[in-house]
Amino acid sequence: MNITGHNSYSGCRFCNIQGVYSHRYKYIYYHPKPKGTYIKKNYSDWLEQINEIETVLLFKEKKY
């Protein structure tokens, strides 16, 4: 599902850093920003992501 982890687009489970996929190296890179510019995730952010995943899964089930 690639929600968090070293091989996902969101590499940090505490903040909202976004990775960029390199087609050449088939890897996701994270560009550093100045300290303090990342927004910390909270409980409502996780609930929103779960709802997005469930919506996509339900849509795919209805499609077939």
N, C-alpha and C. Protein backbone atom coordinates (compact mmCIF):
# COMPACT_ATOMS: atom_id res chain seq x y z
N MET A 1 0.81 -1.19 0.00
CA MET A 1 0.00 0.00 0.00
C MET A 1 0.85 1.26 0.00
N ASN A 2 2.11 1.16 0.40
CA ASN A 2 3.05 2.29 0.36
C ASN A 2 2.54 3.52 1.10
N ILE A 3 2.03 3.32 2.30
CA ILE A 3 1.56 4.47 3.09
C ILE A 3 2.74 5.14 3.78
N THR A 4 3.55 4.38 4.49
CA THR A 4 4.75 4.94 5.10
C THR A 4 5.88 3.92 4.98
N GLY A 5 7.09 4.38 5.13
CA GLY A 5 8.25 3.50 5.09
C GLY A 5 9.30 4.01 4.12
N HIS A 6 10.43 3.33 4.10
CA HIS A 6 11.55 3.80 3.29
C HIS A 6 11.33 3.64 1.79
N ASN A 7 10.32 2.88 1.38
CA ASN A 7 10.07 2.69 -0.05
C ASN A 7 8.67 3.17 -0.43
N SER A 8 8.20 4.23 0.22
CA SER A 8 6.88 4.77 -0.08
C SER A 8 7.00 6.25 -0.41
N TYR A 9 5.93 6.82 -0.91
CA TYR A 9 5.93 8.24 -1.24
C TYR A 9 5.90 9.11 0.01
N SER A 10 5.40 8.57 1.11
CA SER A 10 5.40 9.29 2.38
C SER A 10 6.36 8.56 3.30
N GLY A 11 7.60 8.98 3.31
CA GLY A 11 8.66 8.23 3.97
C GLY A 11 8.73 8.36 5.47
N CYS A 12 7.98 9.26 6.04
CA CYS A 12 8.04 9.48 7.49
C CYS A 12 6.65 9.28 8.08
N ARG A 13 6.56 8.53 9.16
CA ARG A 13 5.25 8.33 9.77
C ARG A 13 4.86 9.46 10.71
N PHE A 14 5.75 10.42 10.92
CA PHE A 14 5.46 11.52 11.83
C PHE A 14 5.17 12.84 11.12
N CYS A 15 5.65 13.01 9.90
CA CYS A 15 5.42 14.26 9.18
C CYS A 15 4.95 13.98 7.75
N ASN A 16 4.67 15.01 6.99
CA ASN A 16 4.10 14.87 5.66
C ASN A 16 5.12 15.07 4.54
N ILE A 17 6.33 14.59 4.70
CA ILE A 17 7.33 14.68 3.64
C ILE A 17 6.89 13.79 2.47
N GLN A 18 7.04 14.29 1.25
CA GLN A 18 6.64 13.55 0.06
C GLN A 18 7.87 13.20 -0.77
N GLY A 19 7.93 11.95 -1.20
CA GLY A 19 9.04 11.49 -2.02
C GLY A 19 8.78 11.69 -3.50
N VAL A 20 9.85 11.64 -4.28
CA VAL A 20 9.79 11.77 -5.73
C VAL A 20 10.37 10.50 -6.33
N TYR A 21 9.61 9.85 -7.22
CA TYR A 21 10.05 8.60 -7.81
C TYR A 21 11.02 8.85 -8.96
N SER A 22 12.13 8.11 -8.95
CA SER A 22 13.12 8.18 -10.03
C SER A 22 12.92 6.97 -10.94
N HIS A 23 12.49 7.22 -12.18
CA HIS A 23 12.29 6.13 -13.13
C HIS A 23 13.63 5.50 -13.52
N ARG A 24 14.67 6.30 -13.51
CA ARG A 24 15.98 5.80 -13.89
C ARG A 24 16.51 4.77 -12.90
N TYR A 25 16.40 5.08 -11.60
CA TYR A 25 16.94 4.20 -10.57
C TYR A 25 15.87 3.35 -9.89
N LYS A 26 14.59 3.58 -10.25
CA LYS A 26 13.46 2.85 -9.67
C LYS A 26 13.49 2.92 -8.14
N TYR A 27 13.56 4.14 -7.65
CA TYR A 27 13.67 4.38 -6.22
C TYR A 27 12.98 5.70 -5.90
N ILE A 28 12.54 5.87 -4.67
CA ILE A 28 11.90 7.11 -4.23
C ILE A 28 12.90 7.92 -3.41
N TYR A 29 13.08 9.18 -3.80
CA TYR A 29 14.01 10.07 -3.12
C TYR A 29 13.26 11.14 -2.36
N TYR A 30 13.85 11.60 -1.26
CA TYR A 30 13.26 12.65 -0.43
C TYR A 30 14.18 13.85 -0.42
N HIS A 31 13.66 14.98 -0.88
CA HIS A 31 14.45 16.20 -0.93
C HIS A 31 14.37 16.89 0.43
N PRO A 32 15.51 17.21 1.03
CA PRO A 32 15.49 17.85 2.34
C PRO A 32 14.97 19.29 2.27
N LYS A 33 14.27 19.68 3.30
CA LYS A 33 13.78 21.05 3.45
C LYS A 33 14.39 21.62 4.73
N PRO A 34 14.37 22.94 4.88
CA PRO A 34 14.87 23.52 6.13
C PRO A 34 14.11 22.98 7.34
N LYS A 35 14.81 22.87 8.44
CA LYS A 35 14.22 22.32 9.66
C LYS A 35 13.00 23.14 10.08
N GLY A 36 11.96 22.44 10.48
CA GLY A 36 10.76 23.11 10.96
C GLY A 36 9.71 23.38 9.90
N THR A 37 9.97 22.96 8.65
CA THR A 37 8.99 23.24 7.58
C THR A 37 8.04 22.07 7.36
N TYR A 38 8.26 20.95 8.02
CA TYR A 38 7.38 19.80 7.86
C TYR A 38 6.22 19.90 8.83
N ILE A 39 5.04 19.50 8.37
CA ILE A 39 3.85 19.53 9.21
C ILE A 39 3.67 18.14 9.81
N LYS A 40 3.56 18.08 11.13
CA LYS A 40 3.39 16.79 11.80
C LYS A 40 2.00 16.22 11.52
N LYS A 41 1.96 14.90 11.38
CA LYS A 41 0.69 14.22 11.20
C LYS A 41 -0.01 14.09 12.55
N ASN A 42 -1.33 14.08 12.51
CA ASN A 42 -2.08 13.86 13.74
C ASN A 42 -3.13 12.78 13.48
N TYR A 43 -3.96 12.52 14.46
CA TYR A 43 -4.94 11.44 14.38
C TYR A 43 -5.92 11.66 13.23
N SER A 44 -6.37 12.88 13.03
CA SER A 44 -7.33 13.14 11.96
C SER A 44 -6.72 12.92 10.58
N ASP A 45 -5.41 13.16 10.43
CA ASP A 45 -4.74 12.88 9.15
C ASP A 45 -4.79 11.38 8.83
N TRP A 46 -4.55 10.55 9.85
CA TRP A 46 -4.60 9.10 9.65
C TRP A 46 -6.00 8.65 9.30
N LEU A 47 -7.02 9.20 9.97
CA LEU A 47 -8.40 8.84 9.66
C LEU A 47 -8.77 9.24 8.23
N GLU A 48 -8.28 10.37 7.78
CA GLU A 48 -8.54 10.82 6.41
C GLU A 48 -7.91 9.87 5.40
N GLN A 49 -6.68 9.43 5.66
CA GLN A 49 -6.02 8.50 4.75
C GLN A 49 -6.74 7.15 4.73
N ILE A 50 -7.20 6.68 5.87
CA ILE A 50 -7.94 5.42 5.93
C ILE A 50 -9.24 5.53 5.13
N ASN A 51 -9.94 6.65 5.27
CA ASN A 51 -11.17 6.86 4.51
C ASN A 51 -10.91 6.88 3.01
N GLU A 52 -9.80 7.49 2.58
CA GLU A 52 -9.46 7.52 1.16
C GLU A 52 -9.21 6.10 0.64
N ILE A 53 -8.51 5.30 1.41
CA ILE A 53 -8.22 3.92 1.00
C ILE A 53 -9.51 3.11 0.92
N GLU A 54 -10.36 3.24 1.93
CA GLU A 54 -11.62 2.50 1.93
C GLU A 54 -12.52 2.93 0.77
N THR A 55 -12.53 4.21 0.45
CA THR A 55 -13.33 4.71 -0.67
C THR A 55 -12.86 4.11 -1.98
N VAL A 56 -11.56 4.05 -2.19
CA VAL A 56 -11.02 3.48 -3.42
C VAL A 56 -11.35 1.99 -3.49
N LEU A 57 -11.22 1.28 -2.38
CA LEU A 57 -11.52 -0.15 -2.38
C LEU A 57 -12.99 -0.40 -2.67
N LEU A 58 -13.86 0.38 -2.08
CA LEU A 58 -15.30 0.23 -2.33
C LEU A 58 -15.63 0.55 -3.79
N PHE A 59 -15.01 1.58 -4.33
CA PHE A 59 -15.24 1.96 -5.72
C PHE A 59 -14.82 0.84 -6.66
N LYS A 60 -13.67 0.21 -6.36
CA LYS A 60 -13.20 -0.90 -7.21
C LYS A 60 -14.13 -2.09 -7.12
N GLU A 61 -14.67 -2.38 -5.92
CA GLU A 61 -15.60 -3.49 -5.76
C GLU A 61 -16.88 -3.24 -6.55
N LYS A 62 -17.38 -2.02 -6.53
CA LYS A 62 -18.60 -1.69 -7.26
C LYS A 62 -18.37 -1.74 -8.76
N LYS A 63 -17.16 -1.45 -9.17
CA LYS A 63 -16.84 -1.39 -10.59
C LYS A 63 -16.91 -2.79 -11.22
N TYR A 64 -16.58 -3.82 -10.44
CA TYR A 64 -16.54 -5.19 -11.00
C TYR A 64 -17.80 -5.89 -10.71
